[in-house]
Amino acid sequence: MKFVTVTKRIGELLGPINWSFDFQSESWDHGGGTNPIVVEQAMKDLHEIKVGDTVEVYGITHKVLAIGMYDGWPHWRPYPSVCIETHYGPEWHGFSSVRLQRGS
């Protein structure tokens, strides 16, 4: 008999946004859910967000550190996400909870 230890990393950036992802049926947003208007705006913002931009997450502005498919909490599978800078360190958020801050 042979024993093998396998290391599987969960909770990491897996690559760029997979635009074939089923955004409409998979979005999760406190109060927004799969509302087509919420998902449409979130996808538009996701297309425009760049690293270094300022975004709003639940009413608080943050700097964007990374964008891509992230497989960590709360989905635990590849999910379109944005990593933001917080006082506690980097934090990942699903695409539907992030809003791009546009200039006046």
PDB file of N, CA and C in Angstrom:
ATOM      1  N   MET A   1       0.851  -1.168   0.000  1.00  0.00           N
ATOM      2  CA  MET A   1       0.000   0.000   0.000  1.00  0.00           C
ATOM      3  C   MET A   1       0.894   1.227   0.000  1.00  0.00           C
ATOM      4  N   LYS A   2       0.427   2.240  -0.676  1.00  0.00           N
ATOM      5  CA  LYS A   2       1.182   3.470  -0.793  1.00  0.00           C
ATOM      6  C   LYS A   2       0.277   4.637  -0.401  1.00  0.00           C
ATOM      7  N   PHE A   3       0.765   5.561   0.410  1.00  0.00           N
ATOM      8  CA  PHE A   3       0.017   6.748   0.808  1.00  0.00           C
ATOM      9  C   PHE A   3       0.607   7.960   0.100  1.00  0.00           C
ATOM     10  N   VAL A   4      -0.276   8.816  -0.387  1.00  0.00           N
ATOM     11  CA  VAL A   4       0.165  10.019  -1.083  1.00  0.00           C
ATOM     12  C   VAL A   4      -0.533  11.220  -0.467  1.00  0.00           C
ATOM     13  N   THR A   5       0.231  12.237  -0.171  1.00  0.00           N
ATOM     14  CA  THR A   5      -0.352  13.484   0.335  1.00  0.00           C
ATOM     15  C   THR A   5      -0.576  14.416  -0.847  1.00  0.00           C
ATOM     16  N   VAL A   6      -1.769  14.931  -0.948  1.00  0.00           N
ATOM     17  CA  VAL A   6      -2.110  15.837  -2.037  1.00  0.00           C
ATOM     18  C   VAL A   6      -2.458  17.193  -1.440  1.00  0.00           C
ATOM     19  N   THR A   7      -1.884  18.235  -2.001  1.00  0.00           N
ATOM     20  CA  THR A   7      -2.188  19.590  -1.561  1.00  0.00           C
ATOM     21  C   THR A   7      -3.073  20.239  -2.620  1.00  0.00           C
ATOM     22  N   LYS A   8      -4.211  20.730  -2.183  1.00  0.00           N
ATOM     23  CA  LYS A   8      -5.112  21.427  -3.096  1.00  0.00           C
ATOM     24  C   LYS A   8      -5.348  22.811  -2.533  1.00  0.00           C
ATOM     25  N   ARG A   9      -5.010  23.825  -3.307  1.00  0.00           N
ATOM     26  CA  ARG A   9      -5.200  25.194  -2.853  1.00  0.00           C
ATOM     27  C   ARG A   9      -6.611  25.652  -3.187  1.00  0.00           C
ATOM     28  N   ILE A  10      -7.289  26.162  -2.205  1.00  0.00           N
ATOM     29  CA  ILE A  10      -8.628  26.701  -2.397  1.00  0.00           C
ATOM     30  C   ILE A  10      -8.614  28.119  -1.850  1.00  0.00           C
ATOM     31  N   GLY A  11      -9.139  29.042  -2.619  1.00  0.00           N
ATOM     32  CA  GLY A  11      -9.145  30.428  -2.197  1.00  0.00           C
ATOM     33  C   GLY A  11      -8.027  31.199  -2.858  1.00  0.00           C
ATOM     34  N   GLU A  12      -7.921  31.078  -4.183  1.00  0.00           N
ATOM     35  CA  GLU A  12      -6.885  31.802  -4.897  1.00  0.00           C
ATOM     36  C   GLU A  12      -7.414  32.299  -6.238  1.00  0.00           C
ATOM     37  N   LEU A  13      -6.715  33.263  -6.787  1.00  0.00           N
ATOM     38  CA  LEU A  13      -7.046  33.811  -8.100  1.00  0.00           C
ATOM     39  C   LEU A  13      -6.666  32.774  -9.146  1.00  0.00           C
ATOM     40  N   LEU A  14      -7.651  32.368  -9.961  1.00  0.00           N
ATOM     41  CA  LEU A  14      -7.415  31.307 -10.938  1.00  0.00           C
ATOM     42  C   LEU A  14      -7.147  31.817 -12.349  1.00  0.00           C
ATOM     43  N   GLY A  15      -7.323  33.113 -12.570  1.00  0.00           N
ATOM     44  CA  GLY A  15      -7.086  33.672 -13.894  1.00  0.00           C
ATOM     45  C   GLY A  15      -8.084  34.766 -14.210  1.00  0.00           C
ATOM     46  N   PRO A  16      -8.092  35.227 -15.454  1.00  0.00           N
ATOM     47  CA  PRO A  16      -8.995  36.321 -15.828  1.00  0.00           C
ATOM     48  C   PRO A  16     -10.468  35.901 -15.770  1.00  0.00           C
ATOM     49  N   ILE A  17     -11.342  36.892 -15.849  1.00  0.00           N
ATOM     50  CA  ILE A  17     -12.785  36.641 -15.825  1.00  0.00           C
ATOM     51  C   ILE A  17     -13.173  35.726 -16.976  1.00  0.00           C
ATOM     52  N   ASN A  18     -13.955  34.712 -16.675  1.00  0.00           N
ATOM     53  CA  ASN A  18     -14.504  33.811 -17.680  1.00  0.00           C
ATOM     54  C   ASN A  18     -15.847  34.406 -18.102  1.00  0.00           C
ATOM     55  N   TRP A  19     -15.869  35.062 -19.253  1.00  0.00           N
ATOM     56  CA  TRP A  19     -17.083  35.769 -19.686  1.00  0.00           C
ATOM     57  C   TRP A  19     -18.188  34.822 -20.141  1.00  0.00           C
ATOM     58  N   SER A  20     -17.926  33.515 -20.214  1.00  0.00           N
ATOM     59  CA  SER A  20     -18.990  32.553 -20.520  1.00  0.00           C
ATOM     60  C   SER A  20     -19.697  32.081 -19.247  1.00  0.00           C
ATOM     61  N   PHE A  21     -19.250  32.573 -18.092  1.00  0.00           N
ATOM     62  CA  PHE A  21     -19.888  32.268 -16.814  1.00  0.00           C
ATOM     63  C   PHE A  21     -21.358  32.686 -16.867  1.00  0.00           C
ATOM     64  N   ASP A  22     -22.248  31.905 -16.260  1.00  0.00           N
ATOM     65  CA  ASP A  22     -23.685  32.223 -16.267  1.00  0.00           C
ATOM     66  C   ASP A  22     -23.977  33.247 -15.168  1.00  0.00           C
ATOM     67  N   PHE A  23     -23.676  34.499 -15.453  1.00  0.00           N
ATOM     68  CA  PHE A  23     -23.817  35.580 -14.482  1.00  0.00           C
ATOM     69  C   PHE A  23     -25.254  35.693 -13.968  1.00  0.00           C
ATOM     70  N   GLN A  24     -26.225  35.616 -14.861  1.00  0.00           N
ATOM     71  CA  GLN A  24     -27.616  35.853 -14.483  1.00  0.00           C
ATOM     72  C   GLN A  24     -28.133  34.849 -13.455  1.00  0.00           C
ATOM     73  N   SER A  25     -27.797  33.585 -13.598  1.00  0.00           N
ATOM     74  CA  SER A  25     -28.338  32.594 -12.674  1.00  0.00           C
ATOM     75  C   SER A  25     -27.465  32.403 -11.435  1.00  0.00           C
ATOM     76  N   GLU A  26     -26.245  32.930 -11.458  1.00  0.00           N
ATOM     77  CA  GLU A  26     -25.323  32.682 -10.357  1.00  0.00           C
ATOM     78  C   GLU A  26     -25.068  33.875  -9.461  1.00  0.00           C
ATOM     79  N   SER A  27     -25.568  35.047  -9.802  1.00  0.00           N
ATOM     80  CA  SER A  27     -25.207  36.220  -8.996  1.00  0.00           C
ATOM     81  C   SER A  27     -25.805  36.142  -7.608  1.00  0.00           C
ATOM     82  N   TRP A  28     -25.088  36.747  -6.674  1.00  0.00           N
ATOM     83  CA  TRP A  28     -25.538  36.769  -5.291  1.00  0.00           C
ATOM     84  C   TRP A  28     -25.238  38.157  -4.757  1.00  0.00           C
ATOM     85  N   ASP A  29     -26.264  38.860  -4.350  1.00  0.00           N
ATOM     86  CA  ASP A  29     -26.085  40.214  -3.857  1.00  0.00           C
ATOM     87  C   ASP A  29     -27.135  40.440  -2.789  1.00  0.00           C
ATOM     88  N   HIS A  30     -26.740  40.932  -1.646  1.00  0.00           N
ATOM     89  CA  HIS A  30     -27.685  41.178  -0.559  1.00  0.00           C
ATOM     90  C   HIS A  30     -28.805  42.079  -1.065  1.00  0.00           C
ATOM     91  N   GLY A  31     -29.968  41.512  -1.293  1.00  0.00           N
ATOM     92  CA  GLY A  31     -31.118  42.276  -1.747  1.00  0.00           C
ATOM     93  C   GLY A  31     -31.221  42.394  -3.252  1.00  0.00           C
ATOM     94  N   GLY A  32     -30.141  42.160  -3.992  1.00  0.00           N
ATOM     95  CA  GLY A  32     -30.168  42.296  -5.440  1.00  0.00           C
ATOM     96  C   GLY A  32     -30.519  40.999  -6.130  1.00  0.00           C
ATOM     97  N   GLY A  33     -29.950  39.905  -5.638  1.00  0.00           N
ATOM     98  CA  GLY A  33     -30.221  38.595  -6.209  1.00  0.00           C
ATOM     99  C   GLY A  33     -29.959  38.547  -7.695  1.00  0.00           C
ATOM    100  N   THR A  34     -30.843  37.908  -8.421  1.00  0.00           N
ATOM    101  CA  THR A  34     -30.668  37.780  -9.860  1.00  0.00           C
ATOM    102  C   THR A  34     -31.504  38.803 -10.609  1.00  0.00           C
ATOM    103  N   ASN A  35     -31.788  39.918  -9.985  1.00  0.00           N
ATOM    104  CA  ASN A  35     -32.487  41.002 -10.653  1.00  0.00           C
ATOM    105  C   ASN A  35     -31.695  41.359 -11.916  1.00  0.00           C
ATOM    106  N   PRO A  36     -32.309  41.246 -13.103  1.00  0.00           N
ATOM    107  CA  PRO A  36     -31.577  41.492 -14.347  1.00  0.00           C
ATOM    108  C   PRO A  36     -30.918  42.868 -14.408  1.00  0.00           C
ATOM    109  N   ILE A  37     -31.523  43.867 -13.811  1.00  0.00           N
ATOM    110  CA  ILE A  37     -30.947  45.217 -13.832  1.00  0.00           C
ATOM    111  C   ILE A  37     -29.667  45.250 -12.994  1.00  0.00           C
ATOM    112  N   VAL A  38     -29.688  44.606 -11.825  1.00  0.00           N
ATOM    113  CA  VAL A  38     -28.513  44.557 -10.953  1.00  0.00           C
ATOM    114  C   VAL A  38     -27.381  43.807 -11.654  1.00  0.00           C
ATOM    115  N   VAL A  39     -27.688  42.660 -12.238  1.00  0.00           N
ATOM    116  CA  VAL A  39     -26.666  41.849 -12.896  1.00  0.00           C
ATOM    117  C   VAL A  39     -26.100  42.573 -14.112  1.00  0.00           C
ATOM    118  N   GLU A  40     -26.955  43.206 -14.892  1.00  0.00           N
ATOM    119  CA  GLU A  40     -26.503  43.928 -16.084  1.00  0.00           C
ATOM    120  C   GLU A  40     -25.530  45.048 -15.707  1.00  0.00           C
ATOM    121  N   GLN A  41     -25.861  45.833 -14.683  1.00  0.00           N
ATOM    122  CA  GLN A  41     -24.981  46.924 -14.251  1.00  0.00           C
ATOM    123  C   GLN A  41     -23.683  46.365 -13.665  1.00  0.00           C
ATOM    124  N   ALA A  42     -23.791  45.289 -12.898  1.00  0.00           N
ATOM    125  CA  ALA A  42     -22.594  44.689 -12.300  1.00  0.00           C
ATOM    126  C   ALA A  42     -21.649  44.161 -13.387  1.00  0.00           C
ATOM    127  N   MET A  43     -22.196  43.561 -14.430  1.00  0.00           N
ATOM    128  CA  MET A  43     -21.365  43.063 -15.528  1.00  0.00           C
ATOM    129  C   MET A  43     -20.717  44.220 -16.280  1.00  0.00           C
ATOM    130  N   LYS A  44     -21.466  45.294 -16.493  1.00  0.00           N
ATOM    131  CA  LYS A  44     -20.919  46.482 -17.167  1.00  0.00           C
ATOM    132  C   LYS A  44     -19.750  47.034 -16.354  1.00  0.00           C
ATOM    133  N   ASP A  45     -19.952  47.150 -15.034  1.00  0.00           N
ATOM    134  CA  ASP A  45     -18.884  47.644 -14.163  1.00  0.00           C
ATOM    135  C   ASP A  45     -17.681  46.706 -14.219  1.00  0.00           C
ATOM    136  N   LEU A  46     -17.918  45.397 -14.178  1.00  0.00           N
ATOM    137  CA  LEU A  46     -16.836  44.417 -14.187  1.00  0.00           C
ATOM    138  C   LEU A  46     -15.990  44.540 -15.456  1.00  0.00           C
ATOM    139  N   HIS A  47     -16.630  44.819 -16.589  1.00  0.00           N
ATOM    140  CA  HIS A  47     -15.899  45.012 -17.847  1.00  0.00           C
ATOM    141  C   HIS A  47     -14.995  46.240 -17.769  1.00  0.00           C
ATOM    142  N   GLU A  48     -15.407  47.257 -17.016  1.00  0.00           N
ATOM    143  CA  GLU A  48     -14.679  48.529 -16.971  1.00  0.00           C
ATOM    144  C   GLU A  48     -13.653  48.627 -15.848  1.00  0.00           C
ATOM    145  N   ILE A  49     -13.816  47.860 -14.776  1.00  0.00           N
ATOM    146  CA  ILE A  49     -12.921  47.958 -13.621  1.00  0.00           C
ATOM    147  C   ILE A  49     -11.504  47.517 -13.984  1.00  0.00           C
ATOM    148  N   LYS A  50     -10.544  48.309 -13.543  1.00  0.00           N
ATOM    149  CA  LYS A  50      -9.126  48.000 -13.746  1.00  0.00           C
ATOM    150  C   LYS A  50      -8.425  48.022 -12.387  1.00  0.00           C
ATOM    151  N   VAL A  51      -7.323  47.310 -12.285  1.00  0.00           N
ATOM    152  CA  VAL A  51      -6.523  47.332 -11.065  1.00  0.00           C
ATOM    153  C   VAL A  51      -6.106  48.777 -10.797  1.00  0.00           C
ATOM    154  N   GLY A  52      -6.275  49.222  -9.555  1.00  0.00           N
ATOM    155  CA  GLY A  52      -5.943  50.594  -9.175  1.00  0.00           C
ATOM    156  C   GLY A  52      -7.144  51.519  -9.140  1.00  0.00           C
ATOM    157  N   ASP A  53      -8.262  51.112  -9.762  1.00  0.00           N
ATOM    158  CA  ASP A  53      -9.489  51.912  -9.728  1.00  0.00           C
ATOM    159  C   ASP A  53     -10.058  51.962  -8.316  1.00  0.00           C
ATOM    160  N   THR A  54     -10.957  52.914  -8.108  1.00  0.00           N
ATOM    161  CA  THR A  54     -11.690  52.993  -6.855  1.00  0.00           C
ATOM    162  C   THR A  54     -13.078  52.423  -7.091  1.00  0.00           C
ATOM    163  N   VAL A  55     -13.484  51.500  -6.227  1.00  0.00           N
ATOM    164  CA  VAL A  55     -14.811  50.897  -6.329  1.00  0.00           C
ATOM    165  C   VAL A  55     -15.536  51.061  -5.000  1.00  0.00           C
ATOM    166  N   GLU A  56     -16.840  50.874  -5.050  1.00  0.00           N
ATOM    167  CA  GLU A  56     -17.658  50.924  -3.841  1.00  0.00           C
ATOM    168  C   GLU A  56     -18.167  49.526  -3.542  1.00  0.00           C
ATOM    169  N   VAL A  57     -17.989  49.110  -2.300  1.00  0.00           N
ATOM    170  CA  VAL A  57     -18.493  47.818  -1.834  1.00  0.00           C
ATOM    171  C   VAL A  57     -19.312  48.105  -0.583  1.00  0.00           C
ATOM    172  N   TYR A  58     -20.608  47.888  -0.679  1.00  0.00           N
ATOM    173  CA  TYR A  58     -21.531  48.140   0.434  1.00  0.00           C
ATOM    174  C   TYR A  58     -21.373  49.543   1.009  1.00  0.00           C
ATOM    175  N   GLY A  59     -21.238  50.526   0.114  1.00  0.00           N
ATOM    176  CA  GLY A  59     -21.216  51.923   0.526  1.00  0.00           C
ATOM    177  C   GLY A  59     -19.862  52.466   0.941  1.00  0.00           C
ATOM    178  N   ILE A  60     -18.813  51.657   0.910  1.00  0.00           N
ATOM    179  CA  ILE A  60     -17.477  52.103   1.303  1.00  0.00           C
ATOM    180  C   ILE A  60     -16.543  51.979   0.102  1.00  0.00           C
ATOM    181  N   THR A  61     -15.718  53.001  -0.136  1.00  0.00           N
ATOM    182  CA  THR A  61     -14.823  52.977  -1.284  1.00  0.00           C
ATOM    183  C   THR A  61     -13.511  52.272  -0.945  1.00  0.00           C
ATOM    184  N   HIS A  62     -12.988  51.566  -1.948  1.00  0.00           N
ATOM    185  CA  HIS A  62     -11.755  50.786  -1.795  1.00  0.00           C
ATOM    186  C   HIS A  62     -10.978  50.821  -3.104  1.00  0.00           C
ATOM    187  N   LYS A  63      -9.683  50.575  -3.012  1.00  0.00           N
ATOM    188  CA  LYS A  63      -8.822  50.448  -4.182  1.00  0.00           C
ATOM    189  C   LYS A  63      -8.844  48.998  -4.655  1.00  0.00           C
ATOM    190  N   VAL A  64      -8.889  48.795  -5.977  1.00  0.00           N
ATOM    191  CA  VAL A  64      -8.892  47.449  -6.562  1.00  0.00           C
ATOM    192  C   VAL A  64      -7.467  46.913  -6.638  1.00  0.00           C
ATOM    193  N   LEU A  65      -7.272  45.697  -6.126  1.00  0.00           N
ATOM    194  CA  LEU A  65      -5.965  45.039  -6.142  1.00  0.00           C
ATOM    195  C   LEU A  65      -5.861  43.987  -7.243  1.00  0.00           C
ATOM    196  N   ALA A  66      -6.974  43.314  -7.550  1.00  0.00           N
ATOM    197  CA  ALA A  66      -6.971  42.249  -8.564  1.00  0.00           C
ATOM    198  C   ALA A  66      -8.409  41.994  -9.029  1.00  0.00           C
ATOM    199  N   ILE A  67      -8.526  41.416 -10.216  1.00  0.00           N
ATOM    200  CA  ILE A  67      -9.834  41.075 -10.792  1.00  0.00           C
ATOM    201  C   ILE A  67      -9.676  39.722 -11.469  1.00  0.00           C
ATOM    202  N   GLY A  68     -10.644  38.818 -11.260  1.00  0.00           N
ATOM    203  CA  GLY A  68     -10.572  37.538 -11.944  1.00  0.00           C
ATOM    204  C   GLY A  68     -11.497  36.501 -11.334  1.00  0.00           C
ATOM    205  N   MET A  69     -11.269  35.253 -11.700  1.00  0.00           N
ATOM    206  CA  MET A  69     -12.055  34.143 -11.173  1.00  0.00           C
ATOM    207  C   MET A  69     -11.393  33.684  -9.879  1.00  0.00           C
ATOM    208  N   TYR A  70     -12.121  33.808  -8.766  1.00  0.00           N
ATOM    209  CA  TYR A  70     -11.615  33.481  -7.438  1.00  0.00           C
ATOM    210  C   TYR A  70     -12.430  32.324  -6.884  1.00  0.00           C
ATOM    211  N   ASP A  71     -11.765  31.350  -6.262  1.00  0.00           N
ATOM    212  CA  ASP A  71     -12.485  30.148  -5.801  1.00  0.00           C
ATOM    213  C   ASP A  71     -12.579  30.043  -4.278  1.00  0.00           C
ATOM    214  N   GLY A  72     -12.553  31.152  -3.594  1.00  0.00           N
ATOM    215  CA  GLY A  72     -12.640  31.119  -2.127  1.00  0.00           C
ATOM    216  C   GLY A  72     -14.040  31.389  -1.606  1.00  0.00           C
ATOM    217  N   TRP A  73     -14.085  31.740  -0.332  1.00  0.00           N
ATOM    218  CA  TRP A  73     -15.337  32.003   0.360  1.00  0.00           C
ATOM    219  C   TRP A  73     -16.091  33.144  -0.306  1.00  0.00           C
ATOM    220  N   PRO A  74     -17.399  33.136  -0.443  1.00  0.00           N
ATOM    221  CA  PRO A  74     -18.354  32.158   0.060  1.00  0.00           C
ATOM    222  C   PRO A  74     -18.763  31.105  -0.965  1.00  0.00           C
ATOM    223  N   HIS A  75     -18.234  31.175  -2.182  1.00  0.00           N
ATOM    224  CA  HIS A  75     -18.708  30.286  -3.256  1.00  0.00           C
ATOM    225  C   HIS A  75     -17.943  28.971  -3.337  1.00  0.00           C
ATOM    226  N   TRP A  76     -16.659  28.980  -3.006  1.00  0.00           N
ATOM    227  CA  TRP A  76     -15.793  27.802  -3.030  1.00  0.00           C
ATOM    228  C   TRP A  76     -15.727  27.133  -4.397  1.00  0.00           C
ATOM    229  N   ARG A  77     -15.852  27.920  -5.422  1.00  0.00           N
ATOM    230  CA  ARG A  77     -15.676  27.487  -6.809  1.00  0.00           C
ATOM    231  C   ARG A  77     -15.347  28.736  -7.609  1.00  0.00           C
ATOM    232  N   PRO A  78     -14.788  28.618  -8.793  1.00  0.00           N
ATOM    233  CA  PRO A  78     -14.435  29.809  -9.565  1.00  0.00           C
ATOM    234  C   PRO A  78     -15.640  30.734  -9.755  1.00  0.00           C
ATOM    235  N   TYR A  79     -15.473  31.994  -9.349  1.00  0.00           N
ATOM    236  CA  TYR A  79     -16.564  32.970  -9.373  1.00  0.00           C
ATOM    237  C   TYR A  79     -15.980  34.335  -9.745  1.00  0.00           C
ATOM    238  N   PRO A  80     -16.611  35.073 -10.656  1.00  0.00           N
ATOM    239  CA  PRO A  80     -16.089  36.388 -11.043  1.00  0.00           C
ATOM    240  C   PRO A  80     -16.029  37.313  -9.828  1.00  0.00           C
ATOM    241  N   SER A  81     -14.832  37.791  -9.498  1.00  0.00           N
ATOM    242  CA  SER A  81     -14.639  38.527  -8.257  1.00  0.00           C
ATOM    243  C   SER A  81     -13.638  39.666  -8.411  1.00  0.00           C
ATOM    244  N   VAL A  82     -13.678  40.557  -7.426  1.00  0.00           N
ATOM    245  CA  VAL A  82     -12.758  41.687  -7.371  1.00  0.00           C
ATOM    246  C   VAL A  82     -12.105  41.688  -5.989  1.00  0.00           C
ATOM    247  N   CYS A  83     -10.786  41.807  -5.961  1.00  0.00           N
ATOM    248  CA  CYS A  83     -10.048  41.881  -4.701  1.00  0.00           C
ATOM    249  C   CYS A  83      -9.818  43.355  -4.384  1.00  0.00           C
ATOM    250  N   ILE A  84     -10.212  43.762  -3.166  1.00  0.00           N
ATOM    251  CA  ILE A  84     -10.072  45.155  -2.764  1.00  0.00           C
ATOM    252  C   ILE A  84      -9.127  45.292  -1.575  1.00  0.00           C
ATOM    253  N   GLU A  85      -8.603  46.492  -1.412  1.00  0.00           N
ATOM    254  CA  GLU A  85      -7.746  46.808  -0.280  1.00  0.00           C
ATOM    255  C   GLU A  85      -8.622  47.275   0.880  1.00  0.00           C
ATOM    256  N   THR A  86      -8.443  46.662   2.061  1.00  0.00           N
ATOM    257  CA  THR A  86      -9.176  47.083   3.251  1.00  0.00           C
ATOM    258  C   THR A  86      -8.171  47.339   4.381  1.00  0.00           C
ATOM    259  N   HIS A  87      -8.650  47.848   5.496  1.00  0.00           N
ATOM    260  CA  HIS A  87      -7.781  48.085   6.645  1.00  0.00           C
ATOM    261  C   HIS A  87      -7.182  46.779   7.170  1.00  0.00           C
ATOM    262  N   TYR A  88      -7.861  45.669   6.923  1.00  0.00           N
ATOM    263  CA  TYR A  88      -7.415  44.370   7.435  1.00  0.00           C
ATOM    264  C   TYR A  88      -6.596  43.582   6.423  1.00  0.00           C
ATOM    265  N   GLY A  89      -6.460  44.107   5.219  1.00  0.00           N
ATOM    266  CA  GLY A  89      -5.727  43.420   4.170  1.00  0.00           C
ATOM    267  C   GLY A  89      -6.620  43.187   2.961  1.00  0.00           C
ATOM    268  N   PRO A  90      -6.152  42.410   1.983  1.00  0.00           N
ATOM    269  CA  PRO A  90      -6.942  42.163   0.778  1.00  0.00           C
ATOM    270  C   PRO A  90      -8.200  41.352   1.085  1.00  0.00           C
ATOM    271  N   GLU A  91      -9.265  41.660   0.367  1.00  0.00           N
ATOM    272  CA  GLU A  91     -10.539  40.973   0.584  1.00  0.00           C
ATOM    273  C   GLU A  91     -11.235  40.799  -0.764  1.00  0.00           C
ATOM    274  N   TRP A  92     -11.717  39.594  -1.033  1.00  0.00           N
ATOM    275  CA  TRP A  92     -12.393  39.288  -2.296  1.00  0.00           C
ATOM    276  C   TRP A  92     -13.898  39.476  -2.171  1.00  0.00           C
ATOM    277  N   HIS A  93     -14.505  40.028  -3.239  1.00  0.00           N
ATOM    278  CA  HIS A  93     -15.957  40.209  -3.296  1.00  0.00           C
ATOM    279  C   HIS A  93     -16.467  39.759  -4.660  1.00  0.00           C
ATOM    280  N   GLY A  94     -17.631  39.100  -4.664  1.00  0.00           N
ATOM    281  CA  GLY A  94     -18.270  38.689  -5.904  1.00  0.00           C
ATOM    282  C   GLY A  94     -18.654  39.892  -6.744  1.00  0.00           C
ATOM    283  N   PHE A  95     -18.728  39.683  -8.053  1.00  0.00           N
ATOM    284  CA  PHE A  95     -18.948  40.773  -8.998  1.00  0.00           C
ATOM    285  C   PHE A  95     -20.186  41.610  -8.711  1.00  0.00           C
ATOM    286  N   SER A  96     -21.244  41.005  -8.159  1.00  0.00           N
ATOM    287  CA  SER A  96     -22.495  41.756  -8.002  1.00  0.00           C
ATOM    288  C   SER A  96     -22.504  42.688  -6.803  1.00  0.00           C
ATOM    289  N   SER A  97     -21.466  42.651  -5.967  1.00  0.00           N
ATOM    290  CA  SER A  97     -21.437  43.549  -4.809  1.00  0.00           C
ATOM    291  C   SER A  97     -20.457  44.704  -4.985  1.00  0.00           C
ATOM    292  N   VAL A  98     -19.854  44.811  -6.179  1.00  0.00           N
ATOM    293  CA  VAL A  98     -18.857  45.837  -6.444  1.00  0.00           C
ATOM    294  C   VAL A  98     -19.390  46.836  -7.476  1.00  0.00           C
ATOM    295  N   ARG A  99     -19.267  48.122  -7.165  1.00  0.00           N
ATOM    296  CA  ARG A  99     -19.710  49.184  -8.087  1.00  0.00           C
ATOM    297  C   ARG A  99     -18.544  50.089  -8.412  1.00  0.00           C
ATOM    298  N   LEU A 100     -18.354  50.358  -9.685  1.00  0.00           N
ATOM    299  CA  LEU A 100     -17.283  51.243 -10.132  1.00  0.00           C
ATOM    300  C   LEU A 100     -17.628  52.683  -9.785  1.00  0.00           C
ATOM    301  N   GLN A 101     -16.667  53.421  -9.224  1.00  0.00           N
ATOM    302  CA  GLN A 101     -16.862  54.837  -8.912  1.00  0.00           C
ATOM    303  C   GLN A 101     -16.477  55.633 -10.160  1.00  0.00           C
ATOM    304  N   ARG A 102     -17.440  56.329 -10.708  1.00  0.00           N
ATOM    305  CA  ARG A 102     -17.199  57.130 -11.910  1.00  0.00           C
ATOM    306  C   ARG A 102     -17.043  58.596 -11.520  1.00  0.00           C
ATOM    307  N   GLY A 103     -16.177  59.304 -12.246  1.00  0.00           N
ATOM    308  CA  GLY A 103     -15.965  60.728 -11.981  1.00  0.00           C
ATOM    309  C   GLY A 103     -17.199  61.552 -12.302  1.00  0.00           C
ATOM    310  N   SER A 104     -17.289  62.741 -11.733  1.00  0.00           N
ATOM    311  CA  SER A 104     -18.469  63.606 -11.933  1.00  0.00           C
ATOM    312  C   SER A 104     -18.542  64.131 -13.338  1.00  0.00           C
TER     313      SER A 104
END
